[in-house]
Amino acid sequence: MTLTEYAWGYAIRREWPDGTHDLFGFTADAATVTRRLNRDQGFWRSGPVRPAAVYVVPANAADVGAHPVDGCRRSGCPDSPKRGQR
């Protein structure tokens, strides 16, 4: 086992209308993930292509690091929004 297998924190999950998702931006700091979430939501807000949802999930560093860059449909990826986040 490596240290990243034990590292828990937060990541951003971006859901797309076609059912795929992205998982990125792992950090153990809640303030950092909140800033990243706000920046990501702001980026997509005015564009012609928008994700169906963008939210924070509790995640393991190893899962985020091994996650496909785009187009993931795996059901085992972290997907429960962190309470209190949007």
N, C-alpha and C. Protein backbone atom coordinates (compact mmCIF):
# COMPACT_ATOMS: atom_id res chain seq x y z
N MET A 1 0.84 -1.17 0.00
CA MET A 1 0.00 0.00 0.00
C MET A 1 0.89 1.25 0.00
N THR A 2 0.40 2.27 -0.68
CA THR A 2 1.13 3.53 -0.72
C THR A 2 0.44 4.56 0.15
N LEU A 3 1.11 5.66 0.38
CA LEU A 3 0.52 6.71 1.20
C LEU A 3 -0.75 7.30 0.59
N THR A 4 -0.84 7.35 -0.75
CA THR A 4 -2.03 7.93 -1.36
C THR A 4 -3.27 7.06 -1.12
N GLU A 5 -3.07 5.80 -0.85
CA GLU A 5 -4.23 4.94 -0.57
C GLU A 5 -4.88 5.30 0.75
N TYR A 6 -4.15 5.96 1.61
CA TYR A 6 -4.67 6.37 2.91
C TYR A 6 -5.11 7.83 2.94
N ALA A 7 -4.76 8.60 1.92
CA ALA A 7 -5.06 10.04 1.91
C ALA A 7 -6.50 10.29 1.48
N TRP A 8 -7.28 10.81 2.38
CA TRP A 8 -8.67 11.15 2.09
C TRP A 8 -8.84 12.65 2.11
N GLY A 9 -9.73 13.12 1.28
CA GLY A 9 -10.01 14.55 1.19
C GLY A 9 -11.21 14.78 0.30
N TYR A 10 -11.06 15.72 -0.60
CA TYR A 10 -12.17 16.11 -1.47
C TYR A 10 -11.72 16.17 -2.92
N ALA A 11 -12.66 15.97 -3.82
CA ALA A 11 -12.41 16.12 -5.24
C ALA A 11 -13.65 16.77 -5.86
N ILE A 12 -13.50 17.20 -7.08
CA ILE A 12 -14.63 17.78 -7.82
C ILE A 12 -15.10 16.76 -8.84
N ARG A 13 -16.40 16.57 -8.87
CA ARG A 13 -17.01 15.67 -9.86
C ARG A 13 -17.86 16.52 -10.78
N ARG A 14 -17.59 16.37 -12.08
CA ARG A 14 -18.34 17.10 -13.10
C ARG A 14 -19.14 16.08 -13.90
N GLU A 15 -20.46 16.19 -13.85
CA GLU A 15 -21.36 15.28 -14.57
C GLU A 15 -21.73 15.90 -15.92
N TRP A 16 -21.71 15.08 -16.97
CA TRP A 16 -22.07 15.54 -18.31
C TRP A 16 -23.43 14.99 -18.71
N PRO A 17 -24.15 15.69 -19.58
CA PRO A 17 -25.49 15.24 -19.99
C PRO A 17 -25.52 13.84 -20.61
N ASP A 18 -24.41 13.38 -21.19
CA ASP A 18 -24.39 12.05 -21.82
C ASP A 18 -24.17 10.91 -20.81
N GLY A 19 -24.08 11.25 -19.52
CA GLY A 19 -23.90 10.23 -18.50
C GLY A 19 -22.47 9.97 -18.08
N THR A 20 -21.51 10.63 -18.72
CA THR A 20 -20.12 10.48 -18.32
C THR A 20 -19.81 11.50 -17.22
N HIS A 21 -18.64 11.32 -16.59
CA HIS A 21 -18.23 12.27 -15.56
C HIS A 21 -16.72 12.42 -15.54
N ASP A 22 -16.27 13.52 -14.93
CA ASP A 22 -14.86 13.78 -14.68
C ASP A 22 -14.68 13.83 -13.17
N LEU A 23 -13.54 13.41 -12.68
CA LEU A 23 -13.21 13.47 -11.26
C LEU A 23 -11.79 14.03 -11.17
N PHE A 24 -11.63 15.16 -10.49
CA PHE A 24 -10.33 15.83 -10.50
C PHE A 24 -10.18 16.76 -9.30
N GLY A 25 -8.99 17.33 -9.15
CA GLY A 25 -8.75 18.36 -8.17
C GLY A 25 -8.66 17.88 -6.74
N PHE A 26 -8.08 16.71 -6.49
CA PHE A 26 -8.00 16.21 -5.12
C PHE A 26 -7.24 17.17 -4.22
N THR A 27 -7.76 17.38 -3.03
CA THR A 27 -7.09 18.14 -1.98
C THR A 27 -7.66 17.71 -0.63
N ALA A 28 -6.85 17.81 0.39
CA ALA A 28 -7.33 17.50 1.74
C ALA A 28 -7.92 18.73 2.41
N ASP A 29 -7.82 19.89 1.76
CA ASP A 29 -8.26 21.15 2.33
C ASP A 29 -9.63 21.58 1.80
N ALA A 30 -10.60 21.74 2.70
CA ALA A 30 -11.97 22.10 2.29
C ALA A 30 -12.03 23.48 1.64
N ALA A 31 -11.25 24.43 2.13
CA ALA A 31 -11.27 25.77 1.54
C ALA A 31 -10.73 25.76 0.11
N THR A 32 -9.71 24.97 -0.13
CA THR A 32 -9.13 24.87 -1.47
C THR A 32 -10.12 24.25 -2.44
N VAL A 33 -10.78 23.19 -2.05
CA VAL A 33 -11.73 22.54 -2.96
C VAL A 33 -12.93 23.46 -3.22
N THR A 34 -13.31 24.26 -2.25
CA THR A 34 -14.42 25.20 -2.46
C THR A 34 -14.03 26.26 -3.49
N ARG A 35 -12.80 26.77 -3.41
CA ARG A 35 -12.34 27.75 -4.41
C ARG A 35 -12.30 27.12 -5.80
N ARG A 36 -11.80 25.88 -5.88
CA ARG A 36 -11.73 25.19 -7.18
C ARG A 36 -13.13 24.94 -7.74
N LEU A 37 -14.07 24.58 -6.88
CA LEU A 37 -15.44 24.34 -7.31
C LEU A 37 -16.04 25.63 -7.87
N ASN A 38 -15.88 26.73 -7.15
CA ASN A 38 -16.42 28.02 -7.61
C ASN A 38 -15.81 28.44 -8.93
N ARG A 39 -14.51 28.24 -9.09
CA ARG A 39 -13.83 28.59 -10.34
C ARG A 39 -14.34 27.73 -11.49
N ASP A 40 -14.51 26.43 -11.26
CA ASP A 40 -14.99 25.53 -12.31
C ASP A 40 -16.43 25.87 -12.70
N GLN A 41 -17.28 26.10 -11.72
CA GLN A 41 -18.67 26.45 -12.02
C GLN A 41 -18.74 27.76 -12.80
N GLY A 42 -17.91 28.73 -12.42
CA GLY A 42 -17.87 30.01 -13.13
C GLY A 42 -17.41 29.87 -14.57
N PHE A 43 -16.45 28.98 -14.79
CA PHE A 43 -15.94 28.77 -16.15
C PHE A 43 -17.05 28.26 -17.08
N TRP A 44 -17.82 27.29 -16.61
CA TRP A 44 -18.82 26.66 -17.46
C TRP A 44 -20.14 27.43 -17.52
N ARG A 45 -20.38 28.33 -16.60
CA ARG A 45 -21.67 29.01 -16.48
C ARG A 45 -22.09 29.74 -17.75
N SER A 46 -21.18 30.42 -18.41
CA SER A 46 -21.56 31.25 -19.56
C SER A 46 -21.32 30.58 -20.91
N GLY A 47 -20.83 29.38 -20.93
CA GLY A 47 -20.50 28.72 -22.18
C GLY A 47 -21.68 28.03 -22.84
N PRO A 48 -21.55 27.72 -24.12
CA PRO A 48 -22.62 27.03 -24.83
C PRO A 48 -22.73 25.55 -24.44
N VAL A 49 -21.64 24.97 -23.97
CA VAL A 49 -21.64 23.59 -23.51
C VAL A 49 -21.48 23.63 -22.00
N ARG A 50 -22.41 23.00 -21.28
CA ARG A 50 -22.36 23.04 -19.82
C ARG A 50 -22.53 21.64 -19.24
N PRO A 51 -21.84 21.38 -18.15
CA PRO A 51 -22.05 20.11 -17.46
C PRO A 51 -23.44 20.09 -16.82
N ALA A 52 -23.97 18.90 -16.60
CA ALA A 52 -25.26 18.76 -15.94
C ALA A 52 -25.16 19.13 -14.48
N ALA A 53 -24.00 18.88 -13.86
CA ALA A 53 -23.77 19.21 -12.46
C ALA A 53 -22.28 19.24 -12.18
N VAL A 54 -21.89 20.06 -11.21
CA VAL A 54 -20.51 20.12 -10.73
C VAL A 54 -20.60 20.21 -9.21
N TYR A 55 -19.96 19.27 -8.50
CA TYR A 55 -20.06 19.28 -7.05
C TYR A 55 -18.86 18.61 -6.39
N VAL A 56 -18.73 18.82 -5.09
CA VAL A 56 -17.64 18.25 -4.30
C VAL A 56 -18.04 16.88 -3.78
N VAL A 57 -17.09 15.94 -3.84
CA VAL A 57 -17.31 14.61 -3.27
C VAL A 57 -16.15 14.27 -2.35
N PRO A 58 -16.41 13.52 -1.28
CA PRO A 58 -15.30 12.99 -0.49
C PRO A 58 -14.61 11.91 -1.33
N ALA A 59 -13.29 11.92 -1.35
CA ALA A 59 -12.58 11.01 -2.23
C ALA A 59 -11.23 10.61 -1.66
N ASN A 60 -10.70 9.53 -2.19
CA ASN A 60 -9.39 9.02 -1.85
C ASN A 60 -8.42 9.49 -2.93
N ALA A 61 -7.22 9.91 -2.54
CA ALA A 61 -6.23 10.42 -3.49
C ALA A 61 -5.89 9.40 -4.57
N ALA A 62 -5.81 8.14 -4.21
CA ALA A 62 -5.46 7.11 -5.19
C ALA A 62 -6.56 6.95 -6.24
N ASP A 63 -7.82 7.03 -5.82
CA ASP A 63 -8.93 6.92 -6.77
C ASP A 63 -8.94 8.08 -7.76
N VAL A 64 -8.69 9.27 -7.26
CA VAL A 64 -8.68 10.45 -8.14
C VAL A 64 -7.48 10.38 -9.09
N GLY A 65 -6.33 9.99 -8.58
CA GLY A 65 -5.14 9.91 -9.41
C GLY A 65 -5.24 8.87 -10.52
N ALA A 66 -5.96 7.78 -10.27
CA ALA A 66 -6.10 6.71 -11.26
C ALA A 66 -7.33 6.88 -12.15
N HIS A 67 -8.09 7.95 -11.93
CA HIS A 67 -9.33 8.16 -12.68
C HIS A 67 -9.03 8.53 -14.12
N PRO A 68 -9.81 8.02 -15.09
CA PRO A 68 -9.62 8.41 -16.49
C PRO A 68 -9.78 9.93 -16.66
N VAL A 69 -9.09 10.49 -17.62
CA VAL A 69 -9.12 11.94 -17.82
C VAL A 69 -10.52 12.42 -18.20
N ASP A 70 -11.19 11.72 -19.07
CA ASP A 70 -12.55 12.12 -19.44
C ASP A 70 -13.35 10.91 -19.92
N GLY A 71 -14.63 11.05 -19.96
CA GLY A 71 -15.49 10.01 -20.49
C GLY A 71 -15.72 8.82 -19.59
N CYS A 72 -15.56 8.97 -18.30
CA CYS A 72 -15.73 7.84 -17.40
C CYS A 72 -17.21 7.56 -17.15
N ARG A 73 -17.55 6.28 -17.14
CA ARG A 73 -18.91 5.84 -16.84
C ARG A 73 -18.94 4.82 -15.70
N ARG A 74 -17.82 4.62 -15.04
CA ARG A 74 -17.77 3.63 -13.96
C ARG A 74 -18.71 4.03 -12.82
N SER A 75 -19.44 3.06 -12.33
CA SER A 75 -20.38 3.34 -11.25
C SER A 75 -19.70 3.37 -9.88
N GLY A 76 -18.48 2.89 -9.79
CA GLY A 76 -17.78 2.83 -8.51
C GLY A 76 -17.03 4.10 -8.13
N CYS A 77 -17.07 5.12 -8.96
CA CYS A 77 -16.37 6.38 -8.66
C CYS A 77 -17.13 7.14 -7.58
N PRO A 78 -16.41 7.93 -6.76
CA PRO A 78 -17.10 8.72 -5.73
C PRO A 78 -18.18 9.60 -6.37
N ASP A 79 -19.39 9.54 -5.80
CA ASP A 79 -20.48 10.32 -6.41
C ASP A 79 -21.46 10.93 -5.42
N SER A 80 -21.19 10.83 -4.14
CA SER A 80 -22.08 11.43 -3.16
C SER A 80 -21.60 12.84 -2.85
N PRO A 81 -22.42 13.83 -3.14
CA PRO A 81 -22.00 15.21 -2.86
C PRO A 81 -21.74 15.41 -1.38
N LYS A 82 -20.74 16.20 -1.08
CA LYS A 82 -20.45 16.55 0.30
C LYS A 82 -21.57 17.45 0.81
N ARG A 83 -22.14 17.14 1.93
CA ARG A 83 -23.22 17.96 2.48
C ARG A 83 -22.74 19.39 2.71
N GLY A 84 -23.59 20.32 2.32
CA GLY A 84 -23.26 21.73 2.50
C GLY A 84 -22.55 22.34 1.32
N GLN A 85 -22.17 21.55 0.32
CA GLN A 85 -21.52 22.06 -0.86
C GLN A 85 -22.47 21.99 -2.04
N ARG A 86 -22.24 22.84 -3.02
CA ARG A 86 -23.02 22.79 -4.26
C ARG A 86 -22.11 22.63 -5.43
